[in-house]
Amino acid sequence: MITGSCLCGTIKYEADETQAGDALHCHCKDCQKVTGSGKATVVLFPQNAVTIEGAYKTYHKIGTDGSHVGRAFCPDCGSQLFTFVQEIEGSVFIKAGTMNEADWVAPIANCWTKSARSFSPVSDGVVNFDANPIAEED
């Protein structure tokens, strides 16, 4: 099992690593704002593969591409933990930096490369999407 928590430990989680989906670097402006960094590194999981202990708060916002995004954070320390996208029902993105052990995380793509910051360039050797890869498939 993959384990993780917020900075203060109020919220803890476990996730079945056999259910882990793709890992991505997201360079969208919203991820930059919530992380205070150049990108968020996230791993997709089915919600039923994740057990969460503790009560988080969720900030809802319409994404640049029109998706309905809920960003879950600890109400005590403010750590960003999870992202729920209404259009990807039954799934949750877990912020890789909150995992106790994350050396196994291997992002396959950079999303929103058009808004990548020069101090946090896109990763080499993976697929790049100017925006949301799901929107680009439509």
Protein backbone atom coordinates (compact mmCIF):
# COMPACT_ATOMS: atom_id res chain seq x y z
CA MET A 1 0.00 0.00 0.00
CA ILE A 2 1.04 3.56 -0.70
CA THR A 3 0.72 5.80 2.34
CA GLY A 4 0.82 9.53 2.70
CA SER A 5 -0.32 12.51 4.70
CA CYS A 6 -0.53 16.25 4.94
CA LEU A 7 2.31 18.18 6.59
CA CYS A 8 0.77 18.14 10.09
CA GLY A 9 -0.53 14.55 9.88
CA THR A 10 -4.20 15.42 10.41
CA ILE A 11 -5.09 13.74 7.11
CA LYS A 12 -3.62 10.38 6.21
CA TYR A 13 -4.35 8.08 3.32
CA GLU A 14 -3.59 4.67 1.87
CA ALA A 15 -3.82 3.76 -1.78
CA ASP A 16 -3.56 0.39 -3.49
CA GLU A 17 -0.46 0.74 -5.66
CA THR A 18 -1.70 -1.97 -8.02
CA GLN A 19 -4.52 0.44 -8.95
CA ALA A 20 -2.23 3.40 -9.71
CA GLY A 21 -2.85 4.99 -13.07
CA ASP A 22 -0.74 7.47 -14.95
CA ALA A 23 1.46 10.04 -13.24
CA LEU A 24 1.62 13.52 -14.77
CA HIS A 25 3.33 16.85 -14.29
CA CYS A 26 0.69 19.57 -14.56
CA HIS A 27 2.00 23.05 -15.40
CA CYS A 28 -1.39 24.82 -15.44
CA LYS A 29 -1.64 28.19 -13.73
CA ASP A 30 -4.02 26.80 -11.07
CA CYS A 31 -1.57 24.04 -10.09
CA GLN A 32 1.19 26.64 -9.94
CA LYS A 33 -0.93 28.74 -7.58
CA VAL A 34 -1.94 25.90 -5.25
CA THR A 35 1.55 24.42 -5.03
CA GLY A 36 3.47 27.68 -4.97
CA SER A 37 5.75 25.98 -7.48
CA GLY A 38 6.05 25.53 -11.22
CA LYS A 39 3.95 22.38 -11.42
CA ALA A 40 2.06 19.70 -9.56
CA THR A 41 3.04 16.07 -9.93
CA VAL A 42 -0.02 13.87 -9.57
CA VAL A 43 -0.93 10.19 -9.82
CA LEU A 44 -4.39 9.05 -10.91
CA PHE A 45 -6.22 6.43 -8.80
CA PRO A 46 -9.73 5.04 -8.75
CA GLN A 47 -11.44 6.56 -5.70
CA ASN A 48 -12.35 3.11 -4.39
CA ALA A 49 -8.61 2.24 -4.22
CA VAL A 50 -7.94 5.10 -1.77
CA THR A 51 -8.82 5.23 1.92
CA ILE A 52 -8.68 8.66 3.57
CA GLU A 53 -8.52 9.26 7.31
CA GLY A 54 -9.36 12.77 8.50
CA ALA A 55 -11.59 15.54 7.23
CA TYR A 56 -10.28 17.63 4.38
CA LYS A 57 -11.77 20.76 2.87
CA THR A 58 -12.29 21.18 -0.85
CA TYR A 59 -11.93 24.31 -2.98
CA HIS A 60 -13.97 24.12 -6.20
CA LYS A 61 -13.05 26.01 -9.35
CA ILE A 62 -13.75 25.82 -13.05
CA GLY A 63 -10.50 24.93 -14.81
CA THR A 64 -9.12 26.82 -17.78
CA ASP A 65 -10.57 24.19 -20.12
CA GLY A 66 -13.98 24.29 -18.40
CA SER A 67 -13.58 21.21 -16.24
CA HIS A 68 -15.00 21.18 -12.70
CA VAL A 69 -12.06 20.78 -10.33
CA GLY A 70 -12.12 20.20 -6.58
CA ARG A 71 -8.81 20.58 -4.78
CA ALA A 72 -8.74 18.92 -1.37
CA PHE A 73 -6.51 20.31 1.35
CA CYS A 74 -5.89 20.02 5.08
CA PRO A 75 -7.84 22.68 6.98
CA ASP A 76 -5.07 22.82 9.63
CA CYS A 77 -1.78 23.02 7.69
CA GLY A 78 -3.11 23.84 4.21
CA SER A 79 -1.34 20.97 2.44
CA GLN A 80 -2.83 20.14 -0.96
CA LEU A 81 -3.47 16.39 -1.13
CA PHE A 82 -6.05 15.41 -3.73
CA THR A 83 -7.66 16.71 -6.89
CA PHE A 84 -11.08 15.56 -8.03
CA VAL A 85 -12.18 16.33 -11.59
CA GLN A 86 -15.92 15.93 -12.04
CA GLU A 87 -15.45 14.90 -15.66
CA ILE A 88 -13.22 11.99 -14.58
CA GLU A 89 -15.85 10.46 -12.33
CA GLY A 90 -14.76 7.91 -9.73
CA SER A 91 -11.12 8.99 -9.84
CA VAL A 92 -8.79 11.02 -7.69
CA PHE A 93 -5.41 12.55 -8.41
CA ILE A 94 -3.04 12.26 -5.44
CA LYS A 95 -0.25 14.83 -5.15
CA ALA A 96 2.96 12.78 -5.34
CA GLY A 97 4.74 15.05 -2.86
CA THR A 98 2.35 13.94 -0.10
CA MET A 99 3.31 10.26 -0.49
CA ASN A 100 5.61 8.84 2.17
CA GLU A 101 7.53 6.94 -0.51
CA ALA A 102 7.26 8.25 -4.06
CA ASP A 103 10.43 7.03 -5.78
CA TRP A 104 8.27 4.72 -7.91
CA VAL A 105 6.35 7.66 -9.46
CA ALA A 106 7.32 8.04 -13.12
CA PRO A 107 5.35 10.76 -14.92
CA ILE A 108 4.48 9.88 -18.50
CA ALA A 109 3.48 13.38 -19.62
CA ASN A 110 3.65 17.11 -19.08
CA CYS A 111 0.26 18.84 -19.25
CA TRP A 112 -0.32 22.54 -19.88
CA THR A 113 3.19 23.04 -21.28
CA LYS A 114 2.06 26.34 -22.79
CA SER A 115 1.99 27.82 -19.27
CA ALA A 116 5.18 26.15 -17.97
CA ARG A 117 7.50 28.51 -16.11
CA SER A 118 11.12 28.92 -17.09
CA PHE A 119 12.22 28.07 -13.54
CA SER A 120 10.34 24.74 -13.76
CA PRO A 121 10.72 23.53 -17.34
CA VAL A 122 8.89 20.55 -18.80
CA SER A 123 10.52 17.16 -18.32
CA ASP A 124 12.41 15.61 -21.21
CA GLY A 125 11.59 12.16 -22.49
CA VAL A 126 7.83 12.25 -21.91
CA VAL A 127 4.83 13.27 -23.99
CA ASN A 128 3.95 16.98 -23.91
CA PHE A 129 0.47 18.49 -24.16
CA ASP A 130 -0.06 22.22 -24.63
CA ALA A 131 -3.19 21.99 -22.47
CA ASN A 132 -5.35 19.26 -20.95
CA PRO A 133 -4.66 15.94 -22.73
CA ILE A 134 -8.31 14.87 -22.37
CA ALA A 135 -9.49 18.06 -24.07
CA GLU A 136 -6.89 17.65 -26.81
CA GLU A 137 -8.30 14.19 -27.63
CA ASP A 138 -11.77 15.61 -28.41
